[in-house]
C-alpha cells in the first residue's frame, strides 16, 4: 500500500483518512462503491481523484480490518 496516498490530518475532514491532496474520504469512496458506483463514475464525479487513489482507499480499508478487533454484526429481526 502506498501510505502517501492515504493521509489523516486532524485539520482536514476531522482527521478521517482521505486521498492525499483531496478532501475525499476513504469512507465516501467505500460507500459509493458499495452503492454500486463504478470506479469510472467516481473519477468522473471527482476530477482530483485518481484510480490509484481509489484502490489505495480500498487497500487501506482492508488493512484496517485486519486489526485484531471484533466487529459485531447486528441481526435485524
PDB file of N, CA and C in Angstrom:
ATOM      1  N   UNK A   1       0.855  -1.177   0.000  1.00  0.00           N
ATOM      2  CA  UNK A   1       0.000   0.000   0.000  1.00  0.00           C
ATOM      3  C   UNK A   1       0.892   1.229   0.000  1.00  0.00           C
ATOM      4  N   UNK A   2       0.572   2.182  -0.833  1.00  0.00           N
ATOM      5  CA  UNK A   2       1.294   3.447  -0.854  1.00  0.00           C
ATOM      6  C   UNK A   2       0.702   4.350   0.215  1.00  0.00           C
ATOM      7  N   UNK A   3       1.361   4.371   1.374  1.00  0.00           N
ATOM      8  CA  UNK A   3       0.828   5.130   2.509  1.00  0.00           C
ATOM      9  C   UNK A   3       0.776   6.616   2.227  1.00  0.00           C
ATOM     10  N   UNK A   4       1.492   7.086   1.228  1.00  0.00           N
ATOM     11  CA  UNK A   4       1.462   8.503   0.898  1.00  0.00           C
ATOM     12  C   UNK A   4       0.138   8.897   0.254  1.00  0.00           C
ATOM     13  N   UNK A   5      -0.576   7.940  -0.322  1.00  0.00           N
ATOM     14  CA  UNK A   5      -1.840   8.254  -0.989  1.00  0.00           C
ATOM     15  C   UNK A   5      -3.000   8.427  -0.017  1.00  0.00           C
ATOM     16  N   UNK A   6      -2.911   7.829   1.146  1.00  0.00           N
ATOM     17  CA  UNK A   6      -3.959   7.975   2.154  1.00  0.00           C
ATOM     18  C   UNK A   6      -3.346   8.695   3.348  1.00  0.00           C
ATOM     19  N   UNK A   7      -3.984   9.795   3.727  1.00  0.00           N
ATOM     20  CA  UNK A   7      -3.463  10.601   4.827  1.00  0.00           C
ATOM     21  C   UNK A   7      -4.578  10.932   5.810  1.00  0.00           C
ATOM     22  N   UNK A   8      -4.161  11.208   7.036  1.00  0.00           N
ATOM     23  CA  UNK A   8      -5.096  11.626   8.069  1.00  0.00           C
ATOM     24  C   UNK A   8      -4.494  12.822   8.786  1.00  0.00           C
ATOM     25  N   UNK A   9      -5.249  13.915   8.805  1.00  0.00           N
ATOM     26  CA  UNK A   9      -4.796  15.159   9.431  1.00  0.00           C
ATOM     27  C   UNK A   9      -5.985  15.732  10.191  1.00  0.00           C
ATOM     28  N   UNK A  10      -5.818  15.986  11.486  1.00  0.00           N
ATOM     29  CA  UNK A  10      -6.941  16.491  12.270  1.00  0.00           C
ATOM     30  C   UNK A  10      -7.574  17.767  11.712  1.00  0.00           C
ATOM     31  N   UNK A  11      -6.836  18.518  10.918  1.00  0.00           N
ATOM     32  CA  UNK A  11      -7.383  19.762  10.365  1.00  0.00           C
ATOM     33  C   UNK A  11      -8.116  19.557   9.036  1.00  0.00           C
ATOM     34  N   UNK A  12      -8.118  18.322   8.542  1.00  0.00           N
ATOM     35  CA  UNK A  12      -8.809  18.018   7.280  1.00  0.00           C
ATOM     36  C   UNK A  12      -9.851  16.941   7.543  1.00  0.00           C
ATOM     37  N   UNK A  13     -11.091  17.260   7.285  1.00  0.00           N
ATOM     38  CA  UNK A  13     -12.215  16.327   7.431  1.00  0.00           C
ATOM     39  C   UNK A  13     -12.220  15.639   8.801  1.00  0.00           C
ATOM     40  N   UNK A  14     -11.926  16.414   9.828  1.00  0.00           N
ATOM     41  CA  UNK A  14     -11.928  15.931  11.219  1.00  0.00           C
ATOM     42  C   UNK A  14     -10.997  14.734  11.429  1.00  0.00           C
ATOM     43  N   UNK A  15      -9.955  14.640  10.636  1.00  0.00           N
ATOM     44  CA  UNK A  15      -8.977  13.573  10.813  1.00  0.00           C
ATOM     45  C   UNK A  15      -9.312  12.264  10.133  1.00  0.00           C
ATOM     46  N   UNK A  16     -10.444  12.226   9.419  1.00  0.00           N
ATOM     47  CA  UNK A  16     -10.775  10.990   8.702  1.00  0.00           C
ATOM     48  C   UNK A  16      -9.725  10.754   7.619  1.00  0.00           C
ATOM     49  N   UNK A  17      -9.411   9.495   7.317  1.00  0.00           N
ATOM     50  CA  UNK A  17      -8.461   9.213   6.243  1.00  0.00           C
ATOM     51  C   UNK A  17      -9.010   9.710   4.902  1.00  0.00           C
ATOM     52  N   UNK A  18      -8.168  10.432   4.169  1.00  0.00           N
ATOM     53  CA  UNK A  18      -8.548  10.974   2.862  1.00  0.00           C
ATOM     54  C   UNK A  18      -7.496  10.616   1.839  1.00  0.00           C
ATOM     55  N   UNK A  19      -7.869  10.710   0.574  1.00  0.00           N
ATOM     56  CA  UNK A  19      -6.900  10.579  -0.501  1.00  0.00           C
ATOM     57  C   UNK A  19      -6.062  11.852  -0.476  1.00  0.00           C
ATOM     58  N   UNK A  20      -4.751  11.698  -0.452  1.00  0.00           N
ATOM     59  CA  UNK A  20      -3.834  12.829  -0.337  1.00  0.00           C
ATOM     60  C   UNK A  20      -4.132  13.895  -1.382  1.00  0.00           C
ATOM     61  N   UNK A  21      -4.118  15.142  -0.939  1.00  0.00           N
ATOM     62  CA  UNK A  21      -4.347  16.263  -1.832  1.00  0.00           C
ATOM     63  C   UNK A  21      -5.803  16.542  -2.133  1.00  0.00           C
ATOM     64  N   UNK A  22      -6.699  15.789  -1.454  1.00  0.00           N
ATOM     65  CA  UNK A  22      -8.138  15.984  -1.663  1.00  0.00           C
ATOM     66  C   UNK A  22      -8.820  16.008  -0.300  1.00  0.00           C
ATOM     67  N   UNK A  23     -10.090  16.262  -0.325  1.00  0.00           N
ATOM     68  CA  UNK A  23     -10.919  16.134   0.879  1.00  0.00           C
ATOM     69  C   UNK A  23     -11.882  14.949   0.684  1.00  0.00           C
ATOM     70  N   UNK A  24     -11.477  14.009  -0.132  1.00  0.00           N
ATOM     71  CA  UNK A  24     -12.295  12.836  -0.439  1.00  0.00           C
ATOM     72  C   UNK A  24     -11.909  11.735   0.544  1.00  0.00           C
ATOM     73  N   UNK A  25     -12.869  11.367   1.402  1.00  0.00           N
ATOM     74  CA  UNK A  25     -12.575  10.387   2.442  1.00  0.00           C
ATOM     75  C   UNK A  25     -12.638   8.951   1.916  1.00  0.00           C
ATOM     76  N   UNK A  26     -11.890   8.101   2.596  1.00  0.00           N
ATOM     77  CA  UNK A  26     -11.948   6.663   2.305  1.00  0.00           C
ATOM     78  C   UNK A  26     -13.380   6.186   2.500  1.00  0.00           C
ATOM     79  N   UNK A  27     -14.012   6.673   3.545  1.00  0.00           N
ATOM     80  CA  UNK A  27     -15.396   6.305   3.846  1.00  0.00           C
ATOM     81  C   UNK A  27     -16.326   6.611   2.665  1.00  0.00           C
ATOM     82  N   UNK A  28     -16.202   7.795   2.081  1.00  0.00           N
ATOM     83  CA  UNK A  28     -17.055   8.179   0.955  1.00  0.00           C
ATOM     84  C   UNK A  28     -16.834   7.249  -0.236  1.00  0.00           C
ATOM     85  N   UNK A  29     -15.571   6.961  -0.529  1.00  0.00           N
ATOM     86  CA  UNK A  29     -15.261   6.078  -1.656  1.00  0.00           C
ATOM     87  C   UNK A  29     -15.888   4.707  -1.445  1.00  0.00           C
ATOM     88  N   UNK A  30     -15.734   4.157  -0.257  1.00  0.00           N
ATOM     89  CA  UNK A  30     -16.300   2.828   0.020  1.00  0.00           C
ATOM     90  C   UNK A  30     -17.821   2.836  -0.046  1.00  0.00           C
ATOM     91  N   UNK A  31     -18.443   3.879   0.491  1.00  0.00           N
ATOM     92  CA  UNK A  31     -19.909   3.960   0.445  1.00  0.00           C
ATOM     93  C   UNK A  31     -20.413   4.019  -0.993  1.00  0.00           C
ATOM     94  N   UNK A  32     -19.754   4.807  -1.825  1.00  0.00           N
ATOM     95  CA  UNK A  32     -20.198   4.933  -3.212  1.00  0.00           C
ATOM     96  C   UNK A  32     -19.993   3.632  -3.988  1.00  0.00           C
ATOM     97  N   UNK A  33     -18.868   2.963  -3.755  1.00  0.00           N
ATOM     98  CA  UNK A  33     -18.645   1.678  -4.416  1.00  0.00           C
ATOM     99  C   UNK A  33     -19.665   0.648  -3.938  1.00  0.00           C
ATOM    100  N   UNK A  34     -19.958   0.642  -2.638  1.00  0.00           N
ATOM    101  CA  UNK A  34     -20.939  -0.303  -2.097  1.00  0.00           C
ATOM    102  C   UNK A  34     -22.339  -0.036  -2.644  1.00  0.00           C
ATOM    103  N   UNK A  35     -22.608   1.228  -2.994  1.00  0.00           N
ATOM    104  CA  UNK A  35     -23.913   1.586  -3.545  1.00  0.00           C
ATOM    105  C   UNK A  35     -24.016   1.248  -5.033  1.00  0.00           C
ATOM    106  N   UNK A  36     -22.919   0.766  -5.609  1.00  0.00           N
ATOM    107  CA  UNK A  36     -22.969   0.333  -6.999  1.00  0.00           C
ATOM    108  C   UNK A  36     -22.279   1.239  -8.001  1.00  0.00           C
ATOM    109  N   UNK A  37     -21.716   2.352  -7.530  1.00  0.00           N
ATOM    110  CA  UNK A  37     -20.992   3.218  -8.468  1.00  0.00           C
ATOM    111  C   UNK A  37     -19.712   2.523  -8.912  1.00  0.00           C
ATOM    112  N   UNK A  38     -19.308   2.804 -10.122  1.00  0.00           N
ATOM    113  CA  UNK A  38     -18.075   2.227 -10.641  1.00  0.00           C
ATOM    114  C   UNK A  38     -16.915   3.175 -10.343  1.00  0.00           C
ATOM    115  N   UNK A  39     -15.709   2.643 -10.491  1.00  0.00           N
ATOM    116  CA  UNK A  39     -14.526   3.486 -10.310  1.00  0.00           C
ATOM    117  C   UNK A  39     -14.574   4.633 -11.313  1.00  0.00           C
ATOM    118  N   UNK A  40     -14.970   4.346 -12.538  1.00  0.00           N
ATOM    119  CA  UNK A  40     -15.028   5.397 -13.554  1.00  0.00           C
ATOM    120  C   UNK A  40     -16.025   6.488 -13.175  1.00  0.00           C
ATOM    121  N   UNK A  41     -17.158   6.107 -12.616  1.00  0.00           N
ATOM    122  CA  UNK A  41     -18.134   7.105 -12.173  1.00  0.00           C
ATOM    123  C   UNK A  41     -17.540   7.991 -11.078  1.00  0.00           C
ATOM    124  N   UNK A  42     -16.790   7.393 -10.155  1.00  0.00           N
ATOM    125  CA  UNK A  42     -16.130   8.179  -9.111  1.00  0.00           C
ATOM    126  C   UNK A  42     -15.129   9.158  -9.725  1.00  0.00           C
ATOM    127  N   UNK A  43     -14.363   8.674 -10.681  1.00  0.00           N
ATOM    128  CA  UNK A  43     -13.363   9.533 -11.322  1.00  0.00           C
ATOM    129  C   UNK A  43     -14.017  10.683 -12.084  1.00  0.00           C
ATOM    130  N   UNK A  44     -15.151  10.408 -12.694  1.00  0.00           N
ATOM    131  CA  UNK A  44     -15.882  11.457 -13.411  1.00  0.00           C
ATOM    132  C   UNK A  44     -16.470  12.483 -12.440  1.00  0.00           C
ATOM    133  N   UNK A  45     -16.950  11.999 -11.298  1.00  0.00           N
ATOM    134  CA  UNK A  45     -17.592  12.868 -10.310  1.00  0.00           C
ATOM    135  C   UNK A  45     -16.582  13.713  -9.526  1.00  0.00           C
ATOM    136  N   UNK A  46     -15.396  13.164  -9.314  1.00  0.00           N
ATOM    137  CA  UNK A  46     -14.358  13.845  -8.528  1.00  0.00           C
ATOM    138  C   UNK A  46     -13.081  13.941  -9.375  1.00  0.00           C
ATOM    139  N   UNK A  47     -12.934  15.004 -10.147  1.00  0.00           N
ATOM    140  CA  UNK A  47     -11.810  15.117 -11.083  1.00  0.00           C
ATOM    141  C   UNK A  47     -10.418  15.035 -10.435  1.00  0.00           C
ATOM    142  N   UNK A  48     -10.292  15.377  -9.153  1.00  0.00           N
ATOM    143  CA  UNK A  48      -8.983  15.305  -8.497  1.00  0.00           C
ATOM    144  C   UNK A  48      -8.649  13.892  -8.032  1.00  0.00           C
ATOM    145  N   UNK A  49      -9.616  13.006  -8.069  1.00  0.00           N
ATOM    146  CA  UNK A  49      -9.413  11.623  -7.655  1.00  0.00           C
ATOM    147  C   UNK A  49      -8.797  10.826  -8.799  1.00  0.00           C
ATOM    148  N   UNK A  50      -7.894   9.916  -8.458  1.00  0.00           N
ATOM    149  CA  UNK A  50      -7.274   9.045  -9.463  1.00  0.00           C
ATOM    150  C   UNK A  50      -7.644   7.598  -9.158  1.00  0.00           C
ATOM    151  N   UNK A  51      -7.469   6.745 -10.131  1.00  0.00           N
ATOM    152  CA  UNK A  51      -7.751   5.325  -9.882  1.00  0.00           C
ATOM    153  C   UNK A  51      -6.797   4.785  -8.817  1.00  0.00           C
ATOM    154  N   UNK A  52      -5.559   5.263  -8.789  1.00  0.00           N
ATOM    155  CA  UNK A  52      -4.630   4.839  -7.737  1.00  0.00           C
ATOM    156  C   UNK A  52      -5.168   5.234  -6.365  1.00  0.00           C
ATOM    157  N   UNK A  53      -5.772   6.406  -6.270  1.00  0.00           N
ATOM    158  CA  UNK A  53      -6.361   6.854  -5.016  1.00  0.00           C
ATOM    159  C   UNK A  53      -7.513   5.972  -4.578  1.00  0.00           C
ATOM    160  N   UNK A  54      -8.352   5.579  -5.530  1.00  0.00           N
ATOM    161  CA  UNK A  54      -9.493   4.703  -5.220  1.00  0.00           C
ATOM    162  C   UNK A  54      -8.985   3.367  -4.688  1.00  0.00           C
ATOM    163  N   UNK A  55      -8.025   2.777  -5.377  1.00  0.00           N
ATOM    164  CA  UNK A  55      -7.528   1.470  -4.959  1.00  0.00           C
ATOM    165  C   UNK A  55      -6.708   1.559  -3.670  1.00  0.00           C
ATOM    166  N   UNK A  56      -6.062   2.681  -3.438  1.00  0.00           N
ATOM    167  CA  UNK A  56      -5.368   2.893  -2.164  1.00  0.00           C
ATOM    168  C   UNK A  56      -6.377   2.957  -1.019  1.00  0.00           C
ATOM    169  N   UNK A  57      -7.531   3.574  -1.265  1.00  0.00           N
ATOM    170  CA  UNK A  57      -8.585   3.647  -0.246  1.00  0.00           C
ATOM    171  C   UNK A  57      -9.112   2.252   0.086  1.00  0.00           C
ATOM    172  N   UNK A  58      -9.338   1.437  -0.922  1.00  0.00           N
ATOM    173  CA  UNK A  58      -9.816   0.070  -0.710  1.00  0.00           C
ATOM    174  C   UNK A  58      -8.762  -0.727   0.064  1.00  0.00           C
ATOM    175  N   UNK A  59      -7.514  -0.589  -0.337  1.00  0.00           N
ATOM    176  CA  UNK A  59      -6.429  -1.298   0.335  1.00  0.00           C
ATOM    177  C   UNK A  59      -6.285  -0.835   1.783  1.00  0.00           C
ATOM    178  N   UNK A  60      -6.432   0.454   2.021  1.00  0.00           N
ATOM    179  CA  UNK A  60      -6.370   0.997   3.373  1.00  0.00           C
ATOM    180  C   UNK A  60      -7.446   0.355   4.243  1.00  0.00           C
ATOM    181  N   UNK A  61      -8.662   0.287   3.725  1.00  0.00           N
ATOM    182  CA  UNK A  61      -9.777  -0.305   4.478  1.00  0.00           C
ATOM    183  C   UNK A  61      -9.488  -1.775   4.783  1.00  0.00           C
ATOM    184  N   UNK A  62      -8.927  -2.498   3.841  1.00  0.00           N
ATOM    185  CA  UNK A  62      -8.593  -3.909   4.063  1.00  0.00           C
ATOM    186  C   UNK A  62      -7.545  -4.044   5.162  1.00  0.00           C
ATOM    187  N   UNK A  63      -6.552  -3.164   5.149  1.00  0.00           N
ATOM    188  CA  UNK A  63      -5.511  -3.198   6.177  1.00  0.00           C
ATOM    189  C   UNK A  63      -6.097  -2.902   7.559  1.00  0.00           C
ATOM    190  N   UNK A  64      -6.980  -1.930   7.634  1.00  0.00           N
ATOM    191  CA  UNK A  64      -7.595  -1.573   8.912  1.00  0.00           C
ATOM    192  C   UNK A  64      -8.409  -2.742   9.460  1.00  0.00           C
ATOM    193  N   UNK A  65      -9.116  -3.442   8.601  1.00  0.00           N
ATOM    194  CA  UNK A  65      -9.954  -4.547   9.051  1.00  0.00           C
ATOM    195  C   UNK A  65      -9.147  -5.776   9.458  1.00  0.00           C
ATOM    196  N   UNK A  66      -7.854  -5.789   9.139  1.00  0.00           N
ATOM    197  CA  UNK A  66      -7.004  -6.901   9.574  1.00  0.00           C
ATOM    198  C   UNK A  66      -6.644  -6.799  11.053  1.00  0.00           C
ATOM    199  N   UNK A  67      -6.905  -5.673  11.663  1.00  0.00           N
ATOM    200  CA  UNK A  67      -6.595  -5.487  13.078  1.00  0.00           C
ATOM    201  C   UNK A  67      -7.369  -6.505  13.910  1.00  0.00           C
ATOM    202  N   UNK A  68      -6.830  -6.842  15.055  1.00  0.00           N
ATOM    203  CA  UNK A  68      -7.473  -7.822  15.935  1.00  0.00           C
ATOM    204  C   UNK A  68      -8.597  -7.180  16.733  1.00  0.00           C
ATOM    205  N   UNK A  69      -9.651  -6.819  16.016  1.00  0.00           N
ATOM    206  CA  UNK A  69     -10.819  -6.202  16.626  1.00  0.00           C
ATOM    207  C   UNK A  69     -12.042  -6.983  16.167  1.00  0.00           C
ATOM    208  N   UNK A  70     -12.967  -7.175  17.083  1.00  0.00           N
ATOM    209  CA  UNK A  70     -14.212  -7.865  16.723  1.00  0.00           C
ATOM    210  C   UNK A  70     -15.253  -6.815  16.382  1.00  0.00           C
ATOM    211  N   UNK A  71     -15.866  -6.954  15.220  1.00  0.00           N
ATOM    212  CA  UNK A  71     -16.911  -6.045  14.770  1.00  0.00           C
ATOM    213  C   UNK A  71     -18.235  -6.789  14.803  1.00  0.00           C
ATOM    214  N   UNK A  72     -19.026  -6.613  15.873  1.00  0.00           N
ATOM    215  CA  UNK A  72     -20.307  -7.332  15.937  1.00  0.00           C
ATOM    216  C   UNK A  72     -21.241  -6.855  14.826  1.00  0.00           C
ATOM    217  N   UNK A  73     -21.902  -7.800  14.230  1.00  0.00           N
ATOM    218  CA  UNK A  73     -22.881  -7.507  13.185  1.00  0.00           C
ATOM    219  C   UNK A  73     -24.260  -7.738  13.767  1.00  0.00           C
ATOM    220  N   UNK A  74     -25.041  -6.678  13.790  1.00  0.00           N
ATOM    221  CA  UNK A  74     -26.374  -6.765  14.363  1.00  0.00           C
ATOM    222  C   UNK A  74     -27.322  -7.418  13.374  1.00  0.00           C
ATOM    223  N   UNK A  75     -28.054  -8.391  13.859  1.00  0.00           N
ATOM    224  CA  UNK A  75     -29.051  -9.048  13.022  1.00  0.00           C
ATOM    225  C   UNK A  75     -30.392  -8.374  13.281  1.00  0.00           C
ATOM    226  N   UNK A  76     -30.970  -7.790  12.240  1.00  0.00           N
ATOM    227  CA  UNK A  76     -32.278  -7.158  12.378  1.00  0.00           C
ATOM    228  C   UNK A  76     -33.366  -8.207  12.341  1.00  0.00           C
ATOM    229  N   UNK A  77     -34.343  -8.049  13.185  1.00  0.00           N
ATOM    230  CA  UNK A  77     -35.454  -9.023  13.240  1.00  0.00           C
ATOM    231  C   UNK A  77     -36.469  -8.730  12.193  1.00  0.00           C
TER     232      UNK A  77
END
